[in-house]
Amino acid sequence: MPPCGKTDTHEVVTTQTREEIGNDWIQGKEYSDKPDFTWMEGEEPHRARRMEILKKYPEIKQLYGHEWKTKYMVAATVLLQTFLAFFMRETSWPIFLLTAYVVGATANHSLFLAIHEWSHNLGFKLPIHNQIGSMFANLPIGVPYSASFKPYHMDHHRNQGVHGVDADIAHPVEADIIRNRTPLKALYMLTQLLFYALRPCIIKPLQPTKMTALNLAIQATYDAFILYFGGLNAMLYLLLSTFMCGSFHPTAGHFLSEHLEVIEG
């Protein structure tokens, strides 16, 4: 991906032989000004890695199951963010921004991660309960996305790195624009959550479903409540928290480590 000069693995046919690809993988690659990805022909890595881990550490299966505590943590976080949205509207701008960065961004990022866990049905026994719970966790984020996140994320796990299917991977246009330009890398990191949110809509638009409609309706109701009773500053607090948690924030580091390849040079 552009900020680090390269992007993550894509599983496609290339002009390289398997031996050449393997050598690149083992020895590393030298950076060049031409933006490119690491192209490999091996199988999708999630399944192979899972089998290897379970073979070596079979006791991991004892940890399988639903985490019952998550729903209470999510409920407390949603209440905290809703309270702060109202409380912070009358504070000075330095306090407003500092709180949004330190508390709000951390809280909203934890809600992003809860939605991720529940997309794997790890919060409740029934899938529908995980979907409804995700919509509740979505509330302080301000933008409805939990219902569409699940199908995109399942595609990511089933087809990791497959061009045109895995929307977690940067589009070649992104790499071509940003290249190894430090100011553009910084701008990309500042706004990476926008790329992460909008890229799937361009690469593989989803058809509307009952769940996405419900997600939209619930989120619109919550946002209207915040705007009506709290005003623009209350809504701004929530949206800033969301923007900051995917920008230059300690919690956002995993976006880089999971989706970017670091190449020396």
Protein backbone atom coordinates (compact mmCIF):
# COMPACT_ATOMS: atom_id res chain seq x y z
CA MET A 1 0.00 0.00 0.00
CA PRO A 2 1.26 3.51 -0.78
CA PRO A 3 2.31 4.90 2.63
CA CYS A 4 5.06 2.35 3.00
CA GLY A 5 5.99 2.19 -0.65
CA LYS A 6 4.33 -1.16 -1.33
CA THR A 7 1.08 -2.96 -0.80
CA ASP A 8 -0.07 -6.24 0.64
CA THR A 9 -0.18 -9.67 -0.99
CA HIS A 10 -2.41 -10.36 -4.01
CA GLU A 11 -3.19 -13.89 -5.15
CA VAL A 12 -3.14 -13.72 -8.95
CA VAL A 13 -1.26 -15.20 -11.90
CA THR A 14 1.90 -13.30 -12.77
CA THR A 15 4.64 -13.40 -15.36
CA GLN A 16 7.11 -14.51 -12.69
CA THR A 17 7.87 -18.16 -12.08
CA ARG A 18 7.10 -19.70 -8.72
CA GLU A 19 10.81 -19.84 -7.95
CA GLU A 20 11.25 -16.14 -8.71
CA ILE A 21 8.28 -15.24 -6.53
CA GLY A 22 9.62 -17.40 -3.72
CA ASN A 23 13.02 -15.73 -3.95
CA ASP A 24 11.40 -12.32 -3.70
CA TRP A 25 9.48 -13.43 -0.65
CA ILE A 26 12.50 -14.91 1.11
CA GLN A 27 15.12 -12.34 0.18
CA GLY A 28 12.94 -9.24 0.19
CA LYS A 29 12.65 -6.67 -2.54
CA GLU A 30 14.43 -3.46 -3.32
CA TYR A 31 12.27 -0.39 -3.46
CA SER A 32 11.78 1.30 -6.83
CA ASP A 33 9.87 4.38 -7.90
CA LYS A 34 7.40 2.23 -9.80
CA PRO A 35 4.46 1.37 -7.53
CA ASP A 36 3.68 -2.32 -7.40
CA PHE A 37 2.31 -5.07 -5.20
CA THR A 38 3.81 -8.33 -4.02
CA TRP A 39 2.29 -10.89 -6.38
CA MET A 40 2.08 -14.52 -5.26
CA GLU A 41 0.45 -17.68 -6.57
CA GLY A 42 0.11 -19.59 -3.29
CA GLU A 43 -3.20 -20.45 -1.66
CA GLU A 44 -5.12 -17.96 0.44
CA PRO A 45 -3.08 -17.75 3.68
CA HIS A 46 -5.81 -17.68 6.35
CA ARG A 47 -6.72 -21.36 6.01
CA ALA A 48 -3.13 -22.65 5.79
CA ARG A 49 -2.04 -20.52 8.74
CA ARG A 50 -5.01 -21.72 10.80
CA MET A 51 -4.21 -25.38 10.11
CA GLU A 52 -0.54 -24.88 10.95
CA ILE A 53 -1.33 -23.14 14.25
CA LEU A 54 -3.89 -25.77 15.30
CA LYS A 55 -1.51 -28.59 14.47
CA LYS A 56 1.20 -27.08 16.65
CA TYR A 57 -1.08 -25.78 19.42
CA PRO A 58 -4.29 -27.89 19.48
CA GLU A 59 -5.16 -26.52 22.92
CA ILE A 60 -6.20 -23.29 21.21
CA LYS A 61 -9.53 -24.95 20.43
CA GLN A 62 -10.36 -24.68 24.11
CA LEU A 63 -10.56 -20.91 23.62
CA TYR A 64 -13.19 -21.18 20.90
CA GLY A 65 -16.61 -19.73 21.64
CA HIS A 66 -18.49 -16.57 22.43
CA GLU A 67 -17.09 -13.82 24.63
CA TRP A 68 -20.02 -12.88 26.88
CA LYS A 69 -18.28 -9.85 28.43
CA THR A 70 -18.00 -7.93 25.14
CA LYS A 71 -21.65 -6.81 25.04
CA TYR A 72 -21.32 -5.17 28.45
CA MET A 73 -18.12 -3.39 27.44
CA VAL A 74 -19.81 -2.18 24.27
CA ALA A 75 -22.87 -0.95 26.17
CA ALA A 76 -20.67 1.00 28.60
CA THR A 77 -18.68 2.51 25.72
CA VAL A 78 -21.81 3.56 23.81
CA LEU A 79 -23.21 5.20 26.95
CA LEU A 80 -19.87 6.93 27.63
CA GLN A 81 -19.66 8.37 24.13
CA THR A 82 -23.29 9.48 24.16
CA PHE A 83 -22.75 11.22 27.50
CA LEU A 84 -19.55 12.90 26.33
CA ALA A 85 -21.22 14.08 23.11
CA PHE A 86 -23.63 16.12 25.24
CA PHE A 87 -21.13 17.09 27.93
CA MET A 88 -18.38 18.31 25.58
CA ARG A 89 -20.57 20.61 23.46
CA GLU A 90 -20.09 23.56 25.82
CA THR A 91 -16.37 23.10 26.52
CA SER A 92 -13.52 25.10 25.02
CA TRP A 93 -12.10 23.93 21.70
CA PRO A 94 -8.75 22.77 23.16
CA ILE A 95 -10.54 20.59 25.72
CA PHE A 96 -13.05 19.46 23.09
CA LEU A 97 -10.35 18.32 20.65
CA LEU A 98 -8.14 16.77 23.34
CA THR A 99 -11.02 14.74 24.75
CA ALA A 100 -12.11 13.63 21.29
CA TYR A 101 -8.57 12.44 20.55
CA VAL A 102 -7.68 10.81 23.87
CA VAL A 103 -11.04 9.42 24.99
CA GLY A 104 -13.41 9.55 22.02
CA ALA A 105 -11.07 8.10 19.40
CA THR A 106 -9.99 5.29 21.73
CA ALA A 107 -13.61 4.48 22.58
CA ASN A 108 -14.80 4.51 18.97
CA HIS A 109 -11.89 2.39 17.82
CA SER A 110 -12.83 -0.21 20.42
CA LEU A 111 -16.33 -0.21 18.92
CA PHE A 112 -14.86 -0.81 15.47
CA LEU A 113 -13.07 -3.84 16.89
CA ALA A 114 -16.22 -5.09 18.61
CA ILE A 115 -18.06 -4.92 15.28
CA HIS A 116 -15.20 -6.90 13.75
CA GLU A 117 -15.48 -9.61 16.42
CA TRP A 118 -19.23 -9.79 16.06
CA SER A 119 -18.95 -10.11 12.29
CA HIS A 120 -17.40 -13.50 13.17
CA ASN A 121 -20.38 -14.24 15.45
CA LEU A 122 -18.20 -14.18 18.56
CA GLY A 123 -20.50 -12.13 20.78
CA PHE A 124 -23.77 -14.05 20.74
CA LYS A 125 -24.84 -17.57 19.86
CA LEU A 126 -27.21 -16.54 17.06
CA PRO A 127 -25.85 -14.67 14.00
CA ILE A 128 -28.81 -12.28 13.97
CA HIS A 129 -28.01 -11.21 17.53
CA ASN A 130 -24.44 -10.44 16.50
CA GLN A 131 -25.75 -8.30 13.64
CA ILE A 132 -28.14 -6.36 15.87
CA GLY A 133 -25.43 -5.95 18.50
CA SER A 134 -23.09 -4.58 15.84
CA MET A 135 -25.68 -1.95 14.90
CA PHE A 136 -25.82 -0.89 18.54
CA ALA A 137 -22.01 -0.67 18.70
CA ASN A 138 -22.15 1.36 15.48
CA LEU A 139 -24.14 4.21 17.07
CA PRO A 140 -21.35 6.53 18.38
CA ILE A 141 -19.39 6.01 15.16
CA GLY A 142 -22.01 8.21 13.50
CA VAL A 143 -22.02 6.53 10.08
CA PRO A 144 -23.91 3.28 9.38
CA TYR A 145 -21.46 0.62 8.30
CA SER A 146 -21.76 -2.50 10.45
CA ALA A 147 -24.21 -4.33 8.17
CA SER A 148 -22.06 -3.84 5.08
CA PHE A 149 -18.80 -4.55 6.93
CA LYS A 150 -19.66 -8.21 7.53
CA PRO A 151 -19.97 -9.35 3.87
CA TYR A 152 -16.87 -7.38 2.88
CA HIS A 153 -14.91 -8.83 5.78
CA MET A 154 -16.00 -12.38 4.99
CA ASP A 155 -14.79 -11.84 1.41
CA HIS A 156 -11.47 -10.67 2.85
CA HIS A 157 -11.05 -13.89 4.84
CA ARG A 158 -12.15 -16.19 2.03
CA ASN A 159 -10.15 -14.39 -0.67
CA GLN A 160 -7.31 -12.61 1.09
CA GLY A 161 -5.32 -10.54 -1.38
CA VAL A 162 -7.41 -11.47 -4.42
CA HIS A 163 -7.50 -8.47 -6.72
CA GLY A 164 -11.00 -7.05 -7.18
CA VAL A 165 -12.46 -9.09 -4.30
CA ASP A 166 -10.48 -8.24 -1.16
CA ALA A 167 -11.41 -4.61 -0.51
CA ASP A 168 -8.97 -4.38 2.43
CA ILE A 169 -6.11 -4.11 -0.06
CA ALA A 170 -5.28 -0.78 -1.66
CA HIS A 171 -6.38 -0.17 -5.23
CA PRO A 172 -3.54 0.21 -7.77
CA VAL A 173 -4.70 3.78 -8.41
CA GLU A 174 -3.96 4.63 -4.77
CA ALA A 175 -0.41 3.27 -5.08
CA ASP A 176 0.11 5.06 -8.39
CA ILE A 177 -0.91 8.42 -6.94
CA ILE A 178 0.91 8.25 -3.60
CA ARG A 179 4.07 6.33 -4.53
CA ASN A 180 7.07 7.12 -2.30
CA ARG A 181 6.07 10.73 -1.66
CA THR A 182 6.31 11.57 2.03
CA PRO A 183 3.68 14.38 2.05
CA LEU A 184 1.18 12.13 0.27
CA LYS A 185 1.98 9.24 2.59
CA ALA A 186 1.24 11.52 5.56
CA LEU A 187 -2.00 12.69 3.94
CA TYR A 188 -2.94 9.08 3.25
CA MET A 189 -2.33 8.09 6.86
CA LEU A 190 -4.35 11.10 8.02
CA THR A 191 -7.34 10.04 5.93
CA GLN A 192 -6.82 6.26 5.70
CA LEU A 193 -10.19 5.51 7.30
CA LEU A 194 -11.91 7.30 4.41
CA PHE A 195 -10.05 5.09 1.92
CA TYR A 196 -10.92 2.01 3.95
CA ALA A 197 -14.59 2.98 4.01
CA LEU A 198 -15.01 4.16 0.40
CA ARG A 199 -12.80 1.64 -1.43
CA PRO A 200 -15.25 -1.29 -1.12
CA CYS A 201 -18.05 0.84 -2.61
CA ILE A 202 -15.90 1.35 -5.71
CA ILE A 203 -14.29 -2.09 -6.02
CA LYS A 204 -17.33 -4.22 -5.25
CA PRO A 205 -20.59 -2.34 -4.51
CA LEU A 206 -23.09 -4.25 -2.41
CA GLN A 207 -26.77 -4.62 -3.18
CA PRO A 208 -29.04 -3.15 -0.46
CA THR A 209 -30.43 -5.70 1.99
CA LYS A 210 -32.87 -5.67 4.88
CA MET A 211 -29.93 -5.55 7.30
CA THR A 212 -28.29 -2.56 5.62
CA ALA A 213 -31.67 -0.79 5.60
CA LEU A 214 -32.15 -1.54 9.29
CA ASN A 215 -28.61 -0.38 10.04
CA LEU A 216 -29.31 2.90 8.21
CA ALA A 217 -32.63 3.43 9.99
CA ILE A 218 -31.21 2.79 13.48
CA GLN A 219 -28.19 5.01 12.84
CA ALA A 220 -30.30 7.82 11.37
CA THR A 221 -32.57 7.73 14.43
CA TYR A 222 -29.61 7.94 16.82
CA ASP A 223 -27.95 10.74 14.83
CA ALA A 224 -31.23 12.68 14.73
CA PHE A 225 -31.51 12.27 18.51
CA ILE A 226 -27.97 13.61 19.01
CA LEU A 227 -28.53 16.55 16.65
CA TYR A 228 -31.93 17.48 18.06
CA PHE A 229 -31.03 17.36 21.74
CA GLY A 230 -27.29 18.01 21.59
CA GLY A 231 -26.78 20.20 18.54
CA LEU A 232 -24.04 20.24 15.94
CA ASN A 233 -21.18 20.18 18.45
CA ALA A 234 -22.43 16.93 19.99
CA MET A 235 -22.53 15.27 16.57
CA LEU A 236 -19.17 16.80 15.69
CA TYR A 237 -17.62 15.21 18.78
CA LEU A 238 -18.70 11.74 17.65
CA LEU A 239 -17.61 12.21 14.04
CA LEU A 240 -14.24 13.67 15.10
CA SER A 241 -13.73 10.70 17.42
CA THR A 242 -14.34 8.39 14.47
CA PHE A 243 -12.05 10.30 12.12
CA MET A 244 -9.24 10.54 14.67
CA CYS A 245 -9.37 6.85 15.61
CA GLY A 246 -8.38 5.92 12.05
CA SER A 247 -5.82 8.66 11.60
CA PHE A 248 -2.64 9.60 13.50
CA HIS A 249 -3.71 7.72 16.60
CA PRO A 250 -1.99 4.87 18.49
CA THR A 251 -4.98 2.57 18.04
CA ALA A 252 -4.82 2.94 14.25
CA GLY A 253 -1.39 1.35 13.93
CA HIS A 254 -2.85 -2.07 13.15
CA PHE A 255 -4.34 -0.69 9.92
CA LEU A 256 -0.78 -0.16 8.67
CA SER A 257 0.68 -3.41 9.97
CA GLU A 258 -2.20 -5.50 8.61
CA HIS A 259 -2.55 -3.97 5.16
CA LEU A 260 0.83 -2.50 4.19
CA GLU A 261 4.18 -3.96 3.25
CA VAL A 262 7.25 -2.12 4.47
CA ILE A 263 10.08 -2.04 1.94
CA GLU A 264 13.51 -0.65 2.82
CA GLY A 265 14.29 2.50 0.89
